[in-house]
Amino acid sequence: MLKIWGRTNSNNVKKALWAAEEVGVPYENIAAGGTFGVVSDPAYKAMNPNGLVPTLQDRDLVLWESNTIVRYLAAQYGRDTIWIEDTAARAKAEKWMDWTTSTLITPFRDVFLNMVRTAPDKRDHAAIEKGRQICSDLFGIVDATLESQPYLSGETFGIGDIPLGGFVYAWFEMAIERPDQPHLLAWYQRLQQRPAYQKAVMIPLT
């Protein structure tokens, strides 16, 4: 059986679990990282020398890097679900996967770590506000795109929606001020209707 190592409250692990649920492949989730440890064990480091999560094992194949795992699951098991066959359309969707990792994640982390994983009396409010403003502007780019299409992957849900979809859950669930971005909100509401999203992403923020 396919195995996915990683703690379920990690945004990167959520991508892999969500993708596996969407394509319907049986898998075993093995808790690792954070308080679970494991990632420093020699056996784990032999699979993933970075000592990070997630790591996927599918028979003899071992992969790390969450976006790569999503792409693999889609190509291998999701041809009729989340994979996008047309090369140009797939590239347009995949750019959002990389944009999330390269552009959004740093300012978002400043907000998330302070709001979710830091005691209220120890929060860096300047970092929260700076990150919130940057993220608001970045989500404005997403909102503008979603004005003309229902999903980041185009007319139907696909791989391009998964990386940002995990972050948008936290964005709307954190007790922070957010600008009015109706198309972003409508997209989030569409994601909330997906059983795979409910199972893999919509869990308590920790």
C-alpha atoms as a PDB file:
ATOM      1  CA  MET A   1       0.000   0.000   0.000  1.00  0.00           C
ATOM      2  CA  LEU A   2       1.096   3.551  -0.723  1.00  0.00           C
ATOM      3  CA  LYS A   3       2.512   5.293   2.349  1.00  0.00           C
ATOM      4  CA  ILE A   4       2.599   8.984   3.207  1.00  0.00           C
ATOM      5  CA  TRP A   5       4.732  10.094   6.145  1.00  0.00           C
ATOM      6  CA  GLY A   6       3.832  13.321   7.911  1.00  0.00           C
ATOM      7  CA  ARG A   7       1.742  14.919  10.628  1.00  0.00           C
ATOM      8  CA  THR A   8      -1.748  15.837   9.499  1.00  0.00           C
ATOM      9  CA  ASN A   9      -1.575  19.442  10.736  1.00  0.00           C
ATOM     10  CA  SER A  10       1.231  20.295   8.283  1.00  0.00           C
ATOM     11  CA  ASN A  11       0.071  22.252   5.244  1.00  0.00           C
ATOM     12  CA  ASN A  12       2.540  20.378   3.063  1.00  0.00           C
ATOM     13  CA  VAL A  13       1.312  17.015   4.304  1.00  0.00           C
ATOM     14  CA  LYS A  14      -2.289  18.114   3.770  1.00  0.00           C
ATOM     15  CA  LYS A  15      -1.498  18.562   0.064  1.00  0.00           C
ATOM     16  CA  ALA A  16      -0.395  14.951  -0.265  1.00  0.00           C
ATOM     17  CA  LEU A  17      -3.267  13.542   1.769  1.00  0.00           C
ATOM     18  CA  TRP A  18      -5.832  15.661  -0.060  1.00  0.00           C
ATOM     19  CA  ALA A  19      -4.488  14.567  -3.442  1.00  0.00           C
ATOM     20  CA  ALA A  20      -4.541  10.915  -2.395  1.00  0.00           C
ATOM     21  CA  GLU A  21      -8.142  11.272  -1.264  1.00  0.00           C
ATOM     22  CA  GLU A  22      -9.136  12.995  -4.506  1.00  0.00           C
ATOM     23  CA  VAL A  23      -7.689  10.263  -6.715  1.00  0.00           C
ATOM     24  CA  GLY A  24      -9.040   7.491  -4.502  1.00  0.00           C
ATOM     25  CA  VAL A  25      -5.815   5.560  -4.012  1.00  0.00           C
ATOM     26  CA  PRO A  26      -5.589   3.530  -0.770  1.00  0.00           C
ATOM     27  CA  TYR A  27      -2.808   4.817   1.466  1.00  0.00           C
ATOM     28  CA  GLU A  28      -1.400   4.636   4.950  1.00  0.00           C
ATOM     29  CA  ASN A  29      -0.573   7.864   6.749  1.00  0.00           C
ATOM     30  CA  ILE A  30       2.354   7.463   9.140  1.00  0.00           C
ATOM     31  CA  ALA A  31       2.650  10.265  11.707  1.00  0.00           C
ATOM     32  CA  ALA A  32       6.024  11.979  11.481  1.00  0.00           C
ATOM     33  CA  GLY A  33       7.513  15.390  12.161  1.00  0.00           C
ATOM     34  CA  GLY A  34       6.893  17.812  15.000  1.00  0.00           C
ATOM     35  CA  THR A  35       6.100  16.074  18.271  1.00  0.00           C
ATOM     36  CA  PHE A  36       5.971  12.701  16.506  1.00  0.00           C
ATOM     37  CA  GLY A  37       9.675  12.728  15.714  1.00  0.00           C
ATOM     38  CA  VAL A  38      10.700  10.028  13.208  1.00  0.00           C
ATOM     39  CA  VAL A  39      12.196  12.486  10.700  1.00  0.00           C
ATOM     40  CA  SER A  40      15.638  12.320  12.313  1.00  0.00           C
ATOM     41  CA  ASP A  41      15.718   8.540  12.393  1.00  0.00           C
ATOM     42  CA  PRO A  42      18.344   6.997  10.087  1.00  0.00           C
ATOM     43  CA  ALA A  43      15.715   4.944   8.265  1.00  0.00           C
ATOM     44  CA  TYR A  44      13.677   8.060   7.509  1.00  0.00           C
ATOM     45  CA  LYS A  45      16.711  10.140   6.540  1.00  0.00           C
ATOM     46  CA  ALA A  46      17.630   7.384   4.094  1.00  0.00           C
ATOM     47  CA  MET A  47      14.328   8.062   2.334  1.00  0.00           C
ATOM     48  CA  ASN A  48      14.285  11.818   2.757  1.00  0.00           C
ATOM     49  CA  PRO A  49      17.706  13.317   3.554  1.00  0.00           C
ATOM     50  CA  ASN A  50      16.063  16.676   4.277  1.00  0.00           C
ATOM     51  CA  GLY A  51      14.409  15.269   7.374  1.00  0.00           C
ATOM     52  CA  LEU A  52      11.132  16.978   6.450  1.00  0.00           C
ATOM     53  CA  VAL A  53       7.583  15.903   5.657  1.00  0.00           C
ATOM     54  CA  PRO A  54       5.844  14.679   3.630  1.00  0.00           C
ATOM     55  CA  THR A  55       7.543  11.658   2.148  1.00  0.00           C
ATOM     56  CA  LEU A  56       5.697   9.273  -0.155  1.00  0.00           C
ATOM     57  CA  GLN A  57       6.530   5.659  -0.861  1.00  0.00           C
ATOM     58  CA  ASP A  58       4.738   3.844  -3.659  1.00  0.00           C
ATOM     59  CA  ARG A  59       6.258   0.397  -4.073  1.00  0.00           C
ATOM     60  CA  ASP A  60       9.909   1.095  -5.006  1.00  0.00           C
ATOM     61  CA  LEU A  61       9.378   4.813  -5.602  1.00  0.00           C
ATOM     62  CA  VAL A  62      10.195   7.278  -2.843  1.00  0.00           C
ATOM     63  CA  LEU A  63       9.395  10.980  -3.289  1.00  0.00           C
ATOM     64  CA  TRP A  64       9.685  14.138  -1.220  1.00  0.00           C
ATOM     65  CA  GLU A  65       8.627  17.721  -1.992  1.00  0.00           C
ATOM     66  CA  SER A  66       4.886  18.159  -1.581  1.00  0.00           C
ATOM     67  CA  ASN A  67       4.100  19.651  -4.991  1.00  0.00           C
ATOM     68  CA  THR A  68       6.003  16.834  -6.681  1.00  0.00           C
ATOM     69  CA  ILE A  69       3.979  14.318  -4.686  1.00  0.00           C
ATOM     70  CA  VAL A  70       0.728  15.969  -5.793  1.00  0.00           C
ATOM     71  CA  ARG A  71       1.841  15.883  -9.421  1.00  0.00           C
ATOM     72  CA  TYR A  72       2.815  12.225  -9.154  1.00  0.00           C
ATOM     73  CA  LEU A  73      -0.448  11.157  -7.540  1.00  0.00           C
ATOM     74  CA  ALA A  74      -2.408  13.030 -10.180  1.00  0.00           C
ATOM     75  CA  ALA A  75      -0.452  11.585 -13.108  1.00  0.00           C
ATOM     76  CA  GLN A  76      -0.319   8.044 -11.738  1.00  0.00           C
ATOM     77  CA  TYR A  77      -3.786   7.679 -10.222  1.00  0.00           C
ATOM     78  CA  GLY A  78      -5.855  10.714 -11.149  1.00  0.00           C
ATOM     79  CA  ARG A  79      -6.110  10.680 -14.938  1.00  0.00           C
ATOM     80  CA  ASP A  80      -9.885  10.822 -14.682  1.00  0.00           C
ATOM     81  CA  THR A  81     -10.016  13.194 -11.718  1.00  0.00           C
ATOM     82  CA  ILE A  82      -7.425  15.888 -10.958  1.00  0.00           C
ATOM     83  CA  TRP A  83      -4.875  15.358 -13.738  1.00  0.00           C
ATOM     84  CA  ILE A  84      -5.008  17.838 -16.648  1.00  0.00           C
ATOM     85  CA  GLU A  85      -4.112  16.202 -19.935  1.00  0.00           C
ATOM     86  CA  ASP A  86      -3.699  19.285 -22.097  1.00  0.00           C
ATOM     87  CA  THR A  87      -0.124  20.528 -21.670  1.00  0.00           C
ATOM     88  CA  ALA A  88      -0.904  24.245 -21.870  1.00  0.00           C
ATOM     89  CA  ALA A  89      -3.893  24.012 -19.548  1.00  0.00           C
ATOM     90  CA  ARG A  90      -1.862  21.971 -17.077  1.00  0.00           C
ATOM     91  CA  ALA A  91       0.959  24.509 -17.100  1.00  0.00           C
ATOM     92  CA  LYS A  92      -1.496  27.330 -16.415  1.00  0.00           C
ATOM     93  CA  ALA A  93      -2.794  25.402 -13.419  1.00  0.00           C
ATOM     94  CA  GLU A  94       0.611  24.302 -12.152  1.00  0.00           C
ATOM     95  CA  LYS A  95       1.933  27.843 -11.991  1.00  0.00           C
ATOM     96  CA  TRP A  96      -0.339  28.349  -8.972  1.00  0.00           C
ATOM     97  CA  MET A  97       1.290  25.397  -7.244  1.00  0.00           C
ATOM     98  CA  ASP A  98       4.715  26.980  -7.545  1.00  0.00           C
ATOM     99  CA  TRP A  99       3.444  30.500  -6.871  1.00  0.00           C
ATOM    100  CA  THR A 100       2.038  29.325  -3.555  1.00  0.00           C
ATOM    101  CA  THR A 101       5.401  27.885  -2.556  1.00  0.00           C
ATOM    102  CA  SER A 102       7.612  30.662  -3.879  1.00  0.00           C
ATOM    103  CA  THR A 103       5.510  33.754  -3.161  1.00  0.00           C
ATOM    104  CA  LEU A 104       2.761  33.251  -0.599  1.00  0.00           C
ATOM    105  CA  ILE A 105       4.255  30.904   1.947  1.00  0.00           C
ATOM    106  CA  THR A 106       6.738  33.283   3.636  1.00  0.00           C
ATOM    107  CA  PRO A 107       4.346  36.115   4.569  1.00  0.00           C
ATOM    108  CA  PHE A 108       1.633  33.572   5.333  1.00  0.00           C
ATOM    109  CA  ARG A 109       3.912  31.743   7.753  1.00  0.00           C
ATOM    110  CA  ASP A 110       4.420  34.932   9.762  1.00  0.00           C
ATOM    111  CA  VAL A 111       0.675  35.227  10.259  1.00  0.00           C
ATOM    112  CA  PHE A 112      -0.018  31.542  10.850  1.00  0.00           C
ATOM    113  CA  LEU A 113       2.758  30.797  13.317  1.00  0.00           C
ATOM    114  CA  ASN A 114       1.886  33.833  15.419  1.00  0.00           C
ATOM    115  CA  MET A 115      -1.876  33.369  15.338  1.00  0.00           C
ATOM    116  CA  VAL A 116      -2.034  29.586  15.672  1.00  0.00           C
ATOM    117  CA  ARG A 117       1.157  28.344  17.287  1.00  0.00           C
ATOM    118  CA  THR A 118       2.108  31.234  19.577  1.00  0.00           C
ATOM    119  CA  ALA A 119       0.517  32.171  22.879  1.00  0.00           C
ATOM    120  CA  PRO A 120      -1.381  35.471  22.632  1.00  0.00           C
ATOM    121  CA  ASP A 121       0.959  37.283  25.020  1.00  0.00           C
ATOM    122  CA  LYS A 122       4.002  36.273  22.986  1.00  0.00           C
ATOM    123  CA  ARG A 123       2.760  37.165  19.497  1.00  0.00           C
ATOM    124  CA  ASP A 124       4.710  39.479  17.238  1.00  0.00           C
ATOM    125  CA  HIS A 125       1.893  41.789  16.215  1.00  0.00           C
ATOM    126  CA  ALA A 126       4.055  43.774  13.817  1.00  0.00           C
ATOM    127  CA  ALA A 127       4.928  40.579  11.947  1.00  0.00           C
ATOM    128  CA  ILE A 128       1.271  39.549  11.911  1.00  0.00           C
ATOM    129  CA  GLU A 129       0.162  42.855  10.447  1.00  0.00           C
ATOM    130  CA  LYS A 130       2.912  42.974   7.854  1.00  0.00           C
ATOM    131  CA  GLY A 131       2.218  39.408   6.772  1.00  0.00           C
ATOM    132  CA  ARG A 132      -1.524  39.986   6.743  1.00  0.00           C
ATOM    133  CA  GLN A 133      -1.192  42.986   4.446  1.00  0.00           C
ATOM    134  CA  ILE A 134       1.134  41.173   2.044  1.00  0.00           C
ATOM    135  CA  CYS A 135      -1.119  38.116   1.982  1.00  0.00           C
ATOM    136  CA  SER A 136      -4.172  40.289   1.403  1.00  0.00           C
ATOM    137  CA  ASP A 137      -2.513  41.784  -1.669  1.00  0.00           C
ATOM    138  CA  LEU A 138      -1.420  38.374  -2.920  1.00  0.00           C
ATOM    139  CA  PHE A 139      -4.862  36.891  -2.425  1.00  0.00           C
ATOM    140  CA  GLY A 140      -6.112  39.838  -4.471  1.00  0.00           C
ATOM    141  CA  ILE A 141      -4.266  38.349  -7.447  1.00  0.00           C
ATOM    142  CA  VAL A 142      -6.042  35.062  -6.841  1.00  0.00           C
ATOM    143  CA  ASP A 143      -9.396  36.801  -6.447  1.00  0.00           C
ATOM    144  CA  ALA A 144      -8.966  38.557  -9.787  1.00  0.00           C
ATOM    145  CA  THR A 145      -8.195  35.266 -11.512  1.00  0.00           C
ATOM    146  CA  LEU A 146     -11.178  33.524  -9.959  1.00  0.00           C
ATOM    147  CA  GLU A 147     -13.483  36.255 -11.232  1.00  0.00           C
ATOM    148  CA  SER A 148     -13.331  34.655 -14.685  1.00  0.00           C
ATOM    149  CA  GLN A 149     -12.961  30.961 -13.813  1.00  0.00           C
ATOM    150  CA  PRO A 150     -14.281  28.798 -10.967  1.00  0.00           C
ATOM    151  CA  TYR A 151     -10.994  27.096 -10.148  1.00  0.00           C
ATOM    152  CA  LEU A 152      -7.305  27.896 -10.362  1.00  0.00           C
ATOM    153  CA  SER A 153      -7.092  24.842 -12.614  1.00  0.00           C
ATOM    154  CA  GLY A 154      -9.671  26.329 -14.989  1.00  0.00           C
ATOM    155  CA  GLU A 155     -13.277  25.276 -15.448  1.00  0.00           C
ATOM    156  CA  THR A 156     -12.909  22.182 -13.262  1.00  0.00           C
ATOM    157  CA  PHE A 157     -11.045  21.339 -10.083  1.00  0.00           C
ATOM    158  CA  GLY A 158      -7.512  20.027 -10.575  1.00  0.00           C
ATOM    159  CA  ILE A 159      -3.966  19.890  -9.290  1.00  0.00           C
ATOM    160  CA  GLY A 160      -3.537  23.658  -9.469  1.00  0.00           C
ATOM    161  CA  ASP A 161      -6.064  24.147  -6.677  1.00  0.00           C
ATOM    162  CA  ILE A 162      -4.478  21.864  -4.095  1.00  0.00           C
ATOM    163  CA  PRO A 163      -1.443  23.751  -2.724  1.00  0.00           C
ATOM    164  CA  LEU A 164      -3.240  27.058  -2.217  1.00  0.00           C
ATOM    165  CA  GLY A 165      -6.427  25.338  -1.065  1.00  0.00           C
ATOM    166  CA  GLY A 166      -4.789  24.257   2.166  1.00  0.00           C
ATOM    167  CA  PHE A 167      -3.618  27.754   2.943  1.00  0.00           C
ATOM    168  CA  VAL A 168      -6.934  29.382   2.118  1.00  0.00           C
ATOM    169  CA  TYR A 169      -8.605  27.222   4.765  1.00  0.00           C
ATOM    170  CA  ALA A 170      -6.336  28.676   7.425  1.00  0.00           C
ATOM    171  CA  TRP A 171      -6.715  32.176   5.949  1.00  0.00           C
ATOM    172  CA  PHE A 172     -10.484  32.125   6.425  1.00  0.00           C
ATOM    173  CA  GLU A 173     -10.434  30.277   9.747  1.00  0.00           C
ATOM    174  CA  MET A 174      -7.891  32.457  11.577  1.00  0.00           C
ATOM    175  CA  ALA A 175      -9.238  35.337  13.649  1.00  0.00           C
ATOM    176  CA  ILE A 176      -7.759  38.077  11.482  1.00  0.00           C
ATOM    177  CA  GLU A 177      -9.035  40.963   9.417  1.00  0.00           C
ATOM    178  CA  ARG A 178      -9.463  40.071   5.727  1.00  0.00           C
ATOM    179  CA  PRO A 179     -10.376  42.240   2.746  1.00  0.00           C
ATOM    180  CA  ASP A 180     -13.583  41.585   0.846  1.00  0.00           C
ATOM    181  CA  GLN A 181     -12.506  39.194  -1.919  1.00  0.00           C
ATOM    182  CA  PRO A 182     -15.744  37.523  -3.039  1.00  0.00           C
ATOM    183  CA  HIS A 183     -14.279  35.306  -5.746  1.00  0.00           C
ATOM    184  CA  LEU A 184     -11.657  33.924  -3.393  1.00  0.00           C
ATOM    185  CA  LEU A 185     -14.390  33.248  -0.825  1.00  0.00           C
ATOM    186  CA  ALA A 186     -16.609  31.542  -3.423  1.00  0.00           C
ATOM    187  CA  TRP A 187     -13.704  29.300  -4.444  1.00  0.00           C
ATOM    188  CA  TYR A 188     -13.095  28.402  -0.805  1.00  0.00           C
ATOM    189  CA  GLN A 189     -16.767  27.576  -0.408  1.00  0.00           C
ATOM    190  CA  ARG A 190     -16.606  25.293  -3.445  1.00  0.00           C
ATOM    191  CA  LEU A 191     -13.608  23.512  -1.969  1.00  0.00           C
ATOM    192  CA  GLN A 192     -15.503  23.029   1.293  1.00  0.00           C
ATOM    193  CA  GLN A 193     -18.052  20.904  -0.561  1.00  0.00           C
ATOM    194  CA  ARG A 194     -15.413  18.330  -1.556  1.00  0.00           C
ATOM    195  CA  PRO A 195     -15.300  15.270   0.739  1.00  0.00           C
ATOM    196  CA  ALA A 196     -11.534  14.919   0.217  1.00  0.00           C
ATOM    197  CA  TYR A 197     -11.012  18.546   1.317  1.00  0.00           C
ATOM    198  CA  GLN A 198     -13.212  18.044   4.352  1.00  0.00           C
ATOM    199  CA  LYS A 199     -11.201  14.986   5.406  1.00  0.00           C
ATOM    200  CA  ALA A 200      -7.648  16.110   4.698  1.00  0.00           C
ATOM    201  CA  VAL A 201      -7.749  19.880   5.158  1.00  0.00           C
ATOM    202  CA  MET A 202     -10.693  20.942   7.303  1.00  0.00           C
ATOM    203  CA  ILE A 203      -9.250  19.834  10.622  1.00  0.00           C
ATOM    204  CA  PRO A 204      -8.526  22.007  13.674  1.00  0.00           C
ATOM    205  CA  LEU A 205      -5.695  24.461  13.132  1.00  0.00           C
ATOM    206  CA  THR A 206      -2.744  23.564  15.340  1.00  0.00           C
END
